[in-house]
């Protein structure tokens, strides 16, 4: 064992303790799979990451991502949080204004948006779920058929069963049967628009010009933060996390699906974590070349050493 630099970062928030915490071991060299997994189980956070030298010439650093239940090929809040920690620890990108993370899912570009970081959503594979599985997942979530507007199986490394619900209030009222979701082997990501936003989108979808939204955001700054365009919750019992506070991979795959199918505009703000006492904010933008960028703030809450 040796002393290694360590940070605990709160992601998708600029206010400490209102986002999704991430443990980051800044030097994962010489650690084996079992040691990494054991430490991730010990932190008991939704994810723990270990930074390593890259093996791809264009990458700035390599990251391995562990939940309490196993390793992930990619995840969003660990991507932003690990990059934040790497930069804060003195990491220098090879190309100015662009950072490249290497993970098991491949190379993930990141960019600065002021103080905020954003990653390019990995390629998405999606498909319609079978009616039988959809009925079982809806049942595990306590939903009636008429409350589900659309559903897709979403795969951008992690696989999510995505459901668009009739409204945000339905999302916030869900009390899932986590045991049933675990038995189904399903990680469920649910989303719904606030009532006024849903009404405006129905009008927008009936008009091609409005559907494109002219590249302008529908998020309007109000009070202490932006207006919320989508409420999101993530249930991941199969990997040992009943509900994740704020989930980058899910928000990335939801964005690629919902924008492509006209359910959401090219720019919007998603909220996640309210039911867990958090206030996560995820900033989505699809740019001219079709890429979707997923942005969020990050703040370091613990900075020190860990013996591993």
Protein backbone atom coordinates (compact mmCIF):
# COMPACT_ATOMS: atom_id res chain seq x y z
CA UNK A 1 0.00 0.00 0.00
CA UNK A 2 1.06 3.59 -0.58
CA UNK A 3 -0.28 7.09 -0.10
CA UNK A 4 -2.01 8.40 -3.22
CA UNK A 5 -3.52 11.80 -4.05
CA UNK A 6 -7.28 11.73 -3.69
CA UNK A 7 -10.21 14.08 -4.29
CA UNK A 8 -13.91 13.80 -3.68
CA UNK A 9 -15.75 15.93 -6.20
CA UNK A 10 -19.40 16.97 -6.41
CA UNK A 11 -20.55 16.91 -10.05
CA UNK A 12 -23.39 18.63 -11.93
CA UNK A 13 -23.52 21.38 -9.32
CA UNK A 14 -21.58 24.55 -8.49
CA UNK A 15 -22.73 24.28 -4.85
CA UNK A 16 -21.01 21.62 -2.72
CA UNK A 17 -23.19 18.70 -1.63
CA UNK A 18 -26.06 19.32 -4.04
CA UNK A 19 -24.80 17.18 -6.96
CA UNK A 20 -23.46 13.66 -7.41
CA UNK A 21 -20.29 12.86 -5.43
CA UNK A 22 -17.37 11.11 -7.08
CA UNK A 23 -14.25 9.64 -5.50
CA UNK A 24 -11.14 10.17 -7.64
CA UNK A 25 -7.82 8.41 -7.01
CA UNK A 26 -5.40 10.54 -9.02
CA UNK A 27 -2.74 7.81 -9.26
CA UNK A 28 -4.21 4.37 -9.95
CA UNK A 29 -0.92 2.85 -11.09
CA UNK A 30 -0.06 -0.62 -9.73
CA UNK A 31 -3.59 -1.21 -8.45
CA UNK A 32 -5.28 -4.40 -9.60
CA UNK A 33 -8.92 -4.91 -10.50
CA UNK A 34 -9.80 -6.41 -7.12
CA UNK A 35 -8.15 -3.53 -5.22
CA UNK A 36 -10.02 -0.95 -7.29
CA UNK A 37 -13.31 -2.77 -6.80
CA UNK A 38 -12.76 -3.13 -3.07
CA UNK A 39 -12.11 0.60 -2.69
CA UNK A 40 -15.20 1.44 -4.76
CA UNK A 41 -17.28 -0.77 -2.48
CA UNK A 42 -15.76 0.96 0.54
CA UNK A 43 -16.49 4.50 -0.67
CA UNK A 44 -20.04 3.30 -1.40
CA UNK A 45 -20.54 6.12 -3.89
CA UNK A 46 -22.29 5.56 -7.18
CA UNK A 47 -18.87 5.73 -8.88
CA UNK A 48 -15.18 5.80 -7.96
CA UNK A 49 -12.50 6.49 -10.58
CA UNK A 50 -8.81 5.77 -10.93
CA UNK A 51 -6.62 7.92 -13.19
CA UNK A 52 -3.82 6.29 -15.17
CA UNK A 53 -1.37 7.24 -17.93
CA UNK A 54 -3.03 6.97 -21.36
CA UNK A 55 -2.19 4.18 -23.77
CA UNK A 56 -3.67 6.06 -26.75
CA UNK A 57 -1.32 8.75 -28.15
CA UNK A 58 -4.07 11.38 -28.50
CA UNK A 59 -5.47 10.93 -24.97
CA UNK A 60 -4.51 13.18 -22.07
CA UNK A 61 -5.25 10.63 -19.35
CA UNK A 62 -6.96 7.26 -18.88
CA UNK A 63 -9.72 6.52 -16.39
CA UNK A 64 -11.22 3.36 -14.97
CA UNK A 65 -14.71 3.71 -13.52
CA UNK A 66 -16.13 1.46 -10.79
CA UNK A 67 -19.53 1.29 -9.11
CA UNK A 68 -19.94 -0.69 -5.86
CA UNK A 69 -21.10 -3.56 -8.07
CA UNK A 70 -18.60 -3.55 -10.95
CA UNK A 71 -16.67 -1.64 -13.61
CA UNK A 72 -18.32 0.61 -16.23
CA UNK A 73 -16.97 1.29 -19.74
CA UNK A 74 -18.19 4.90 -19.58
CA UNK A 75 -20.18 7.15 -17.28
CA UNK A 76 -20.94 10.84 -17.48
CA UNK A 77 -20.53 12.28 -14.01
CA UNK A 78 -17.21 10.41 -13.54
CA UNK A 79 -16.07 11.88 -16.87
CA UNK A 80 -16.69 15.48 -15.81
CA UNK A 81 -15.56 14.89 -12.22
CA UNK A 82 -12.36 13.06 -13.19
CA UNK A 83 -11.47 15.77 -15.71
CA UNK A 84 -12.11 18.47 -13.11
CA UNK A 85 -9.85 16.66 -10.62
CA UNK A 86 -7.13 16.04 -13.25
CA UNK A 87 -7.07 19.72 -14.26
CA UNK A 88 -7.11 20.90 -10.66
CA UNK A 89 -4.16 18.63 -9.89
CA UNK A 90 -2.13 20.32 -12.64
CA UNK A 91 -3.04 18.25 -15.71
CA UNK A 92 -2.19 19.98 -18.99
CA UNK A 93 -4.08 18.97 -22.15
CA UNK A 94 -2.04 18.21 -25.26
CA UNK A 95 -4.27 20.47 -27.36
CA UNK A 96 -5.37 23.87 -26.06
CA UNK A 97 -9.07 24.08 -25.26
CA UNK A 98 -9.65 20.36 -25.78
CA UNK A 99 -9.19 17.45 -23.39
CA UNK A 100 -9.34 13.80 -24.43
CA UNK A 101 -10.23 11.14 -21.89
CA UNK A 102 -9.49 7.49 -22.58
CA UNK A 103 -11.84 4.95 -21.00
CA UNK A 104 -13.00 1.42 -21.77
CA UNK A 105 -15.60 2.79 -24.20
CA UNK A 106 -12.93 4.65 -26.20
CA UNK A 107 -11.86 8.29 -26.47
CA UNK A 108 -14.18 10.97 -25.06
CA UNK A 109 -13.51 14.62 -25.99
CA UNK A 110 -14.20 17.32 -23.41
CA UNK A 111 -14.28 21.09 -23.68
CA UNK A 112 -14.44 24.09 -21.37
CA UNK A 113 -17.57 26.25 -21.35
CA UNK A 114 -16.32 29.00 -19.04
CA UNK A 115 -15.81 27.24 -15.72
CA UNK A 116 -18.12 24.42 -16.83
CA UNK A 117 -16.93 21.22 -18.51
CA UNK A 118 -18.82 19.36 -21.22
CA UNK A 119 -18.22 15.99 -22.86
CA UNK A 120 -19.19 14.80 -26.30
CA UNK A 121 -21.86 12.13 -25.96
CA UNK A 122 -20.59 8.72 -27.13
CA UNK A 123 -22.32 7.12 -30.14
CA UNK A 124 -25.75 5.84 -29.21
CA UNK A 125 -27.34 2.57 -30.18
CA UNK A 126 -31.06 2.41 -29.48
CA UNK A 127 -33.97 0.12 -30.14
CA UNK A 128 -37.62 -0.28 -29.25
CA UNK A 129 -38.15 -2.56 -26.25
CA UNK A 130 -40.39 -5.58 -26.49
CA UNK A 131 -43.95 -4.91 -25.28
CA UNK A 132 -43.52 -7.64 -22.67
CA UNK A 133 -40.38 -6.09 -21.16
CA UNK A 134 -41.89 -2.61 -21.34
CA UNK A 135 -44.93 -3.80 -19.38
CA UNK A 136 -42.70 -5.41 -16.72
CA UNK A 137 -40.50 -2.33 -16.34
CA UNK A 138 -43.53 -0.04 -16.19
CA UNK A 139 -45.00 -2.30 -13.54
CA UNK A 140 -41.80 -2.21 -11.49
CA UNK A 141 -41.93 1.59 -11.64
CA UNK A 142 -45.61 1.66 -10.67
CA UNK A 143 -46.66 3.18 -13.99
CA UNK A 144 -49.81 2.79 -16.03
CA UNK A 145 -49.51 2.35 -19.79
CA UNK A 146 -51.04 5.76 -20.55
CA UNK A 147 -48.35 7.50 -18.49
CA UNK A 148 -45.58 6.31 -20.85
CA UNK A 149 -45.22 8.59 -23.89
CA UNK A 150 -42.27 6.74 -25.46
CA UNK A 151 -39.65 4.13 -24.55
CA UNK A 152 -36.29 3.04 -25.94
CA UNK A 153 -33.42 0.80 -24.93
CA UNK A 154 -30.41 3.15 -24.93
CA UNK A 155 -26.79 2.01 -25.17
CA UNK A 156 -23.83 4.43 -25.14
CA UNK A 157 -21.60 2.12 -23.11
CA UNK A 158 -23.96 1.71 -20.16
CA UNK A 159 -27.37 0.37 -21.17
CA UNK A 160 -30.43 2.26 -19.93
CA UNK A 161 -34.11 1.48 -20.36
CA UNK A 162 -35.33 4.99 -21.19
CA UNK A 163 -38.91 6.10 -20.61
CA UNK A 164 -40.42 9.48 -21.44
CA UNK A 165 -43.37 10.03 -19.13
CA UNK A 166 -46.39 12.27 -19.48
CA UNK A 167 -45.08 14.99 -17.16
CA UNK A 168 -42.41 15.88 -14.61
CA UNK A 169 -44.74 15.42 -11.62
CA UNK A 170 -45.21 11.76 -12.54
CA UNK A 171 -41.42 11.34 -12.61
CA UNK A 172 -41.05 12.89 -9.16
CA UNK A 173 -43.84 10.76 -7.63
CA UNK A 174 -42.35 7.39 -8.67
CA UNK A 175 -41.68 4.83 -5.93
CA UNK A 176 -40.03 1.94 -7.80
CA UNK A 177 -39.83 -1.70 -6.80
CA UNK A 178 -36.02 -1.91 -6.82
CA UNK A 179 -36.03 -5.65 -6.18
CA UNK A 180 -38.09 -6.21 -9.31
CA UNK A 181 -35.82 -3.95 -11.40
CA UNK A 182 -32.82 -5.92 -10.15
CA UNK A 183 -34.48 -9.21 -11.07
CA UNK A 184 -35.25 -7.82 -14.54
CA UNK A 185 -31.62 -6.71 -14.86
CA UNK A 186 -32.84 -3.27 -15.95
CA UNK A 187 -31.39 0.15 -15.22
CA UNK A 188 -34.33 2.49 -15.77
CA UNK A 189 -33.98 6.13 -16.71
CA UNK A 190 -37.20 8.15 -16.62
CA UNK A 191 -37.82 11.69 -17.82
CA UNK A 192 -40.73 14.10 -18.06
CA UNK A 193 -41.28 17.73 -19.02
CA UNK A 194 -42.90 20.29 -16.74
CA UNK A 195 -46.49 20.84 -17.84
CA UNK A 196 -45.90 24.23 -19.46
CA UNK A 197 -42.81 22.93 -21.28
CA UNK A 198 -44.69 19.90 -22.58
CA UNK A 199 -47.44 22.12 -23.97
CA UNK A 200 -44.94 24.36 -25.76
CA UNK A 201 -43.19 21.34 -27.26
CA UNK A 202 -46.48 20.01 -28.66
CA UNK A 203 -46.95 23.33 -30.45
CA UNK A 204 -43.33 23.32 -31.58
CA UNK A 205 -43.51 19.80 -33.00
CA UNK A 206 -46.41 20.80 -35.24
CA UNK A 207 -44.28 23.41 -36.95
CA UNK A 208 -40.98 22.49 -38.66
CA UNK A 209 -39.45 25.87 -38.00
CA UNK A 210 -40.42 25.87 -34.35
CA UNK A 211 -39.25 22.27 -33.98
CA UNK A 212 -35.73 23.34 -34.88
CA UNK A 213 -35.95 26.17 -32.32
CA UNK A 214 -33.55 28.20 -34.46
CA UNK A 215 -30.64 26.92 -32.37
CA UNK A 216 -31.87 28.94 -29.38
CA UNK A 217 -32.24 27.57 -25.89
CA UNK A 218 -35.67 27.30 -24.32
CA UNK A 219 -34.09 27.47 -20.88
CA UNK A 220 -34.87 30.84 -19.29
CA UNK A 221 -32.86 32.05 -16.31
CA UNK A 222 -35.12 32.53 -13.30
CA UNK A 223 -34.22 33.24 -9.70
CA UNK A 224 -31.05 31.41 -8.68
CA UNK A 225 -30.79 29.11 -11.67
CA UNK A 226 -32.05 28.16 -15.10
CA UNK A 227 -35.58 27.13 -15.85
CA UNK A 228 -35.88 23.35 -15.97
CA UNK A 229 -36.89 21.80 -19.29
CA UNK A 230 -36.73 18.11 -18.27
CA UNK A 231 -36.90 16.25 -14.96
CA UNK A 232 -34.84 13.03 -14.85
CA UNK A 233 -34.45 10.13 -12.43
CA UNK A 234 -32.17 7.07 -12.70
CA UNK A 235 -32.75 3.72 -11.00
CA UNK A 236 -29.83 1.29 -11.19
CA UNK A 237 -30.44 -1.55 -8.72
CA UNK A 238 -28.63 -4.14 -10.93
CA UNK A 239 -25.30 -2.34 -10.27
CA UNK A 240 -25.94 -1.70 -6.59
CA UNK A 241 -27.32 1.87 -6.84
CA UNK A 242 -31.05 2.13 -6.17
CA UNK A 243 -31.22 5.76 -7.33
CA UNK A 244 -28.36 7.77 -8.78
CA UNK A 245 -28.35 11.48 -7.85
CA UNK A 246 -27.30 12.87 -11.25
CA UNK A 247 -26.39 10.68 -14.23
CA UNK A 248 -24.33 11.90 -17.18
CA UNK A 249 -24.49 8.76 -19.33
CA UNK A 250 -28.29 8.59 -19.01
CA UNK A 251 -28.73 12.29 -19.76
CA UNK A 252 -26.45 11.89 -22.79
CA UNK A 253 -28.44 9.00 -24.24
CA UNK A 254 -31.77 10.63 -23.40
CA UNK A 255 -30.65 13.80 -25.19
CA UNK A 256 -29.61 11.98 -28.36
CA UNK A 257 -32.94 10.11 -28.44
CA UNK A 258 -35.31 12.89 -27.40
CA UNK A 259 -33.79 15.57 -29.64
CA UNK A 260 -33.63 13.25 -32.65
CA UNK A 261 -37.29 12.27 -32.24
CA UNK A 262 -38.49 15.84 -31.71
CA UNK A 263 -39.45 15.49 -28.07
CA UNK A 264 -36.89 18.08 -26.94
CA UNK A 265 -35.19 21.12 -28.53
CA UNK A 266 -31.52 21.27 -29.50
CA UNK A 267 -30.63 22.99 -26.21
CA UNK A 268 -32.17 22.37 -22.84
CA UNK A 269 -31.49 22.04 -19.12
CA UNK A 270 -32.24 18.81 -17.26
CA UNK A 271 -32.71 18.55 -13.49
CA UNK A 272 -31.99 15.45 -11.46
CA UNK A 273 -31.69 14.54 -7.79
CA UNK A 274 -34.62 16.39 -6.25
CA UNK A 275 -36.01 13.25 -4.62
CA UNK A 276 -32.64 12.66 -2.94
CA UNK A 277 -32.27 16.22 -1.65
CA UNK A 278 -29.92 17.21 -4.51
CA UNK A 279 -30.17 19.90 -7.16
CA UNK A 280 -28.23 18.58 -10.16
CA UNK A 281 -28.26 20.50 -13.44
CA UNK A 282 -27.23 19.04 -16.79
CA UNK A 283 -26.75 21.39 -19.76
CA UNK A 284 -27.50 19.79 -23.13
CA UNK A 285 -26.62 21.18 -26.55
CA UNK A 286 -26.73 19.61 -30.00
CA UNK A 287 -24.41 21.55 -32.30
CA UNK A 288 -24.45 22.01 -36.08
CA UNK A 289 -22.50 18.82 -36.84
CA UNK A 290 -25.08 16.77 -34.93
CA UNK A 291 -22.91 16.05 -31.89
CA UNK A 292 -24.55 16.30 -28.50
CA UNK A 293 -22.55 17.93 -25.71
CA UNK A 294 -23.38 17.26 -22.06
CA UNK A 295 -22.20 19.94 -19.65
CA UNK A 296 -22.07 20.42 -15.92
CA UNK A 297 -20.27 22.17 -13.09
CA UNK A 298 -18.01 20.44 -10.58
CA UNK A 299 -16.61 21.41 -7.21
CA UNK A 300 -14.02 19.70 -5.01
CA UNK A 301 -15.24 18.89 -1.50
CA UNK A 302 -12.38 16.73 -0.16
CA UNK A 303 -8.71 17.04 -1.14
CA UNK A 304 -6.03 14.88 0.43
CA UNK A 305 -4.38 11.45 0.47
CA UNK A 306 -5.69 7.91 0.58
CA UNK A 307 -3.70 4.79 1.47
CA UNK A 308 -4.16 2.12 -1.20
